[in-house]
């Protein structure tokens, strides 16, 4: 492997300092990626929860509409029966 000329001229202390700085940068990048991953997972979970809430409301509205329709039909049938008696 051919190293650039400036790398060949570094002292051990300078090389250690550069290695530490690189390790620090890589760790910071890794931590940022983990944070972004956690944030994305949380957003997905919140979206799923919101969708579940919407689905529950739609189902409740459907059941209410069905109950009101049934009551209206029953009232209509009772009125029809009253006409015959």
N, C-alpha and C. Protein backbone atom coordinates (compact mmCIF):
# COMPACT_ATOMS: atom_id res chain seq x y z
N UNK A 1 0.85 -1.17 0.00
CA UNK A 1 0.00 0.00 0.00
C UNK A 1 0.89 1.23 0.00
N UNK A 2 0.64 2.14 -0.90
CA UNK A 2 1.42 3.37 -0.98
C UNK A 2 0.76 4.44 -0.13
N UNK A 3 1.48 4.92 0.85
CA UNK A 3 0.96 5.97 1.70
C UNK A 3 1.38 7.31 1.13
N UNK A 4 0.54 8.33 1.27
CA UNK A 4 0.94 9.66 0.82
C UNK A 4 2.20 10.11 1.56
N UNK A 5 2.92 11.01 0.93
CA UNK A 5 4.20 11.47 1.48
C UNK A 5 4.04 12.08 2.87
N UNK A 6 2.94 12.87 3.09
CA UNK A 6 2.80 13.52 4.40
C UNK A 6 2.57 12.51 5.52
N UNK A 7 1.95 11.34 5.21
CA UNK A 7 1.72 10.32 6.22
C UNK A 7 3.04 9.66 6.61
N UNK A 8 3.93 9.47 5.67
CA UNK A 8 5.22 8.86 5.96
C UNK A 8 6.06 9.73 6.87
N UNK A 9 5.85 11.02 6.82
CA UNK A 9 6.66 11.96 7.60
C UNK A 9 6.10 12.24 8.98
N UNK A 10 4.97 11.65 9.36
CA UNK A 10 4.37 11.91 10.67
C UNK A 10 5.13 11.18 11.77
N UNK A 11 5.21 11.84 12.90
CA UNK A 11 5.82 11.18 14.05
C UNK A 11 4.80 10.22 14.65
N UNK A 12 5.25 9.34 15.52
CA UNK A 12 4.33 8.40 16.18
C UNK A 12 3.24 9.15 16.94
N UNK A 13 3.62 10.21 17.66
CA UNK A 13 2.64 10.98 18.43
C UNK A 13 1.60 11.62 17.52
N UNK A 14 2.06 12.17 16.39
CA UNK A 14 1.11 12.77 15.45
C UNK A 14 0.18 11.72 14.87
N UNK A 15 0.75 10.56 14.54
CA UNK A 15 -0.07 9.49 14.00
C UNK A 15 -1.10 9.01 15.02
N UNK A 16 -0.70 8.88 16.30
CA UNK A 16 -1.63 8.49 17.35
C UNK A 16 -2.74 9.52 17.51
N UNK A 17 -2.39 10.79 17.45
CA UNK A 17 -3.37 11.87 17.58
C UNK A 17 -4.37 11.80 16.42
N UNK A 18 -3.87 11.59 15.20
CA UNK A 18 -4.75 11.47 14.04
C UNK A 18 -5.65 10.24 14.15
N UNK A 19 -5.08 9.14 14.63
CA UNK A 19 -5.88 7.92 14.81
C UNK A 19 -6.98 8.14 15.84
N UNK A 20 -6.65 8.80 16.93
CA UNK A 20 -7.65 9.09 17.97
C UNK A 20 -8.75 10.00 17.41
N UNK A 21 -8.35 11.00 16.64
CA UNK A 21 -9.33 11.92 16.06
C UNK A 21 -10.25 11.18 15.08
N UNK A 22 -9.67 10.31 14.27
CA UNK A 22 -10.46 9.51 13.34
C UNK A 22 -11.42 8.59 14.09
N UNK A 23 -10.93 7.96 15.15
CA UNK A 23 -11.79 7.08 15.95
C UNK A 23 -12.93 7.88 16.58
N UNK A 24 -12.64 9.07 17.05
CA UNK A 24 -13.67 9.93 17.65
C UNK A 24 -14.72 10.29 16.60
N UNK A 25 -14.27 10.66 15.39
CA UNK A 25 -15.21 11.02 14.32
C UNK A 25 -16.08 9.82 13.93
N UNK A 26 -15.46 8.66 13.81
CA UNK A 26 -16.23 7.47 13.45
C UNK A 26 -17.25 7.12 14.52
N UNK A 27 -16.87 7.26 15.78
CA UNK A 27 -17.80 6.98 16.87
C UNK A 27 -18.95 7.98 16.84
N UNK A 28 -18.64 9.25 16.59
CA UNK A 28 -19.69 10.27 16.52
C UNK A 28 -20.66 9.98 15.37
N UNK A 29 -20.12 9.57 14.24
CA UNK A 29 -20.97 9.23 13.09
C UNK A 29 -21.86 8.02 13.42
N UNK A 30 -21.29 7.04 14.07
CA UNK A 30 -22.05 5.84 14.44
C UNK A 30 -23.17 6.19 15.42
N UNK A 31 -22.87 7.05 16.39
CA UNK A 31 -23.88 7.46 17.35
C UNK A 31 -24.98 8.26 16.66
N UNK A 32 -24.61 9.09 15.69
CA UNK A 32 -25.61 9.86 14.94
C UNK A 32 -26.51 8.93 14.13
N UNK A 33 -25.92 7.92 13.50
CA UNK A 33 -26.71 6.95 12.75
C UNK A 33 -27.67 6.19 13.67
N UNK A 34 -27.22 5.83 14.85
CA UNK A 34 -28.08 5.14 15.81
C UNK A 34 -29.22 6.04 16.26
N UNK A 35 -28.93 7.31 16.49
CA UNK A 35 -29.95 8.27 16.90
C UNK A 35 -30.99 8.43 15.79
N UNK A 36 -30.51 8.56 14.55
CA UNK A 36 -31.44 8.70 13.43
C UNK A 36 -32.30 7.45 13.27
N UNK A 37 -31.70 6.30 13.48
CA UNK A 37 -32.44 5.04 13.39
C UNK A 37 -33.52 4.97 14.47
N UNK A 38 -33.17 5.36 15.69
CA UNK A 38 -34.16 5.37 16.78
C UNK A 38 -35.28 6.36 16.48
N UNK A 39 -34.92 7.55 15.97
CA UNK A 39 -35.93 8.55 15.63
C UNK A 39 -36.88 8.03 14.56
N UNK A 40 -36.31 7.37 13.55
CA UNK A 40 -37.13 6.84 12.47
C UNK A 40 -38.07 5.75 13.00
N UNK A 41 -37.56 4.88 13.86
CA UNK A 41 -38.39 3.82 14.44
C UNK A 41 -39.52 4.43 15.27
N UNK A 42 -39.22 5.49 16.00
CA UNK A 42 -40.25 6.14 16.81
C UNK A 42 -41.31 6.79 15.91
N UNK A 43 -40.88 7.41 14.81
CA UNK A 43 -41.84 8.01 13.89
C UNK A 43 -42.75 6.95 13.28
N UNK A 44 -42.17 5.81 12.94
CA UNK A 44 -42.97 4.72 12.37
C UNK A 44 -43.97 4.21 13.41
N UNK A 45 -43.52 4.06 14.65
CA UNK A 45 -44.42 3.60 15.71
C UNK A 45 -45.55 4.60 15.94
N UNK A 46 -45.23 5.90 15.92
CA UNK A 46 -46.27 6.92 16.11
C UNK A 46 -47.25 6.91 14.95
N UNK A 47 -46.75 6.72 13.73
CA UNK A 47 -47.63 6.66 12.56
C UNK A 47 -48.55 5.44 12.65
N UNK A 48 -48.00 4.31 13.07
CA UNK A 48 -48.82 3.10 13.22
C UNK A 48 -49.88 3.29 14.29
N UNK A 49 -49.52 3.92 15.39
CA UNK A 49 -50.48 4.19 16.47
C UNK A 49 -51.58 5.10 15.97
N UNK A 50 -51.20 6.15 15.23
CA UNK A 50 -52.19 7.07 14.68
C UNK A 50 -53.12 6.33 13.71
N UNK A 51 -52.56 5.46 12.89
CA UNK A 51 -53.38 4.69 11.94
C UNK A 51 -54.34 3.77 12.68
N UNK A 52 -53.85 3.14 13.74
CA UNK A 52 -54.71 2.27 14.54
C UNK A 52 -55.86 3.07 15.15
N UNK A 53 -55.56 4.28 15.62
CA UNK A 53 -56.60 5.14 16.19
C UNK A 53 -57.64 5.50 15.13
N UNK A 54 -57.18 5.82 13.94
CA UNK A 54 -58.10 6.16 12.85
C UNK A 54 -58.99 4.96 12.52
N UNK A 55 -58.37 3.80 12.42
CA UNK A 55 -59.14 2.59 12.12
C UNK A 55 -60.19 2.32 13.20
N UNK A 56 -59.83 2.52 14.46
CA UNK A 56 -60.78 2.31 15.56
C UNK A 56 -61.94 3.31 15.47
N UNK A 57 -61.64 4.55 15.11
CA UNK A 57 -62.70 5.56 14.99
C UNK A 57 -63.63 5.23 13.82
N UNK A 58 -63.06 4.77 12.72
CA UNK A 58 -63.87 4.39 11.56
C UNK A 58 -64.80 3.23 11.95
N UNK A 59 -64.25 2.25 12.64
CA UNK A 59 -65.06 1.11 13.07
C UNK A 59 -66.18 1.56 14.02
N UNK A 60 -65.85 2.45 14.96
CA UNK A 60 -66.86 2.94 15.91
C UNK A 60 -67.94 3.72 15.16
N UNK A 61 -67.54 4.54 14.19
CA UNK A 61 -68.52 5.30 13.40
C UNK A 61 -69.42 4.35 12.61
N UNK A 62 -68.82 3.30 12.06
CA UNK A 62 -69.61 2.34 11.29
C UNK A 62 -70.63 1.65 12.20
N UNK A 63 -70.20 1.25 13.37
CA UNK A 63 -71.12 0.58 14.30
C UNK A 63 -72.24 1.52 14.74
N UNK A 64 -71.90 2.78 14.98
CA UNK A 64 -72.92 3.76 15.35
C UNK A 64 -73.92 3.95 14.21
N UNK A 65 -73.42 4.09 13.00
CA UNK A 65 -74.30 4.26 11.84
C UNK A 65 -75.20 3.04 11.67
N UNK A 66 -74.64 1.86 11.85
CA UNK A 66 -75.42 0.64 11.72
C UNK A 66 -76.51 0.58 12.78
N UNK A 67 -76.15 0.95 14.02
CA UNK A 67 -77.14 0.93 15.11
C UNK A 67 -78.26 1.94 14.83
N UNK A 68 -77.90 3.14 14.39
CA UNK A 68 -78.92 4.15 14.09
C UNK A 68 -79.81 3.70 12.94
N UNK A 69 -79.22 3.09 11.94
CA UNK A 69 -80.00 2.57 10.81
C UNK A 69 -80.97 1.50 11.28
N UNK A 70 -80.48 0.59 12.11
CA UNK A 70 -81.34 -0.48 12.63
C UNK A 70 -82.49 0.10 13.44
N UNK A 71 -82.20 1.11 14.28
CA UNK A 71 -83.26 1.74 15.08
C UNK A 71 -84.28 2.42 14.18
N UNK A 72 -83.79 3.07 13.13
CA UNK A 72 -84.70 3.75 12.21
C UNK A 72 -85.58 2.72 11.49
N UNK A 73 -84.98 1.63 11.07
CA UNK A 73 -85.74 0.57 10.40
C UNK A 73 -86.78 -0.03 11.34
N UNK A 74 -86.40 -0.23 12.59
CA UNK A 74 -87.33 -0.78 13.57
C UNK A 74 -88.50 0.18 13.79
N UNK A 75 -88.21 1.47 13.86
CA UNK A 75 -89.26 2.47 14.04
C UNK A 75 -90.19 2.46 12.82
N UNK A 76 -89.61 2.35 11.64
CA UNK A 76 -90.40 2.30 10.41
C UNK A 76 -91.31 1.07 10.40
N UNK A 77 -90.77 -0.05 10.82
CA UNK A 77 -91.55 -1.29 10.87
C UNK A 77 -92.67 -1.16 11.90
N UNK A 78 -92.37 -0.56 13.06
CA UNK A 78 -93.41 -0.36 14.08
C UNK A 78 -94.52 0.53 13.55
N UNK A 79 -94.18 1.57 12.77
CA UNK A 79 -95.20 2.45 12.19
C UNK A 79 -96.05 1.69 11.17
N UNK A 80 -95.42 0.82 10.38
CA UNK A 80 -96.15 0.01 9.41
C UNK A 80 -97.10 -0.96 10.11
N UNK A 81 -96.62 -1.55 11.22
CA UNK A 81 -97.48 -2.46 11.98
C UNK A 81 -98.68 -1.73 12.56
N UNK A 82 -98.46 -0.51 13.02
CA UNK A 82 -99.55 0.27 13.61
C UNK A 82 -100.62 0.56 12.58
N UNK A 83 -100.24 0.71 11.33
CA UNK A 83 -101.22 0.98 10.29
C UNK A 83 -102.18 -0.21 10.09
N UNK A 84 -101.66 -1.40 10.30
CA UNK A 84 -102.46 -2.60 10.09
C UNK A 84 -103.39 -2.89 11.26
N UNK A 85 -103.05 -2.40 12.43
CA UNK A 85 -103.89 -2.71 13.59
C UNK A 85 -104.75 -1.58 13.87
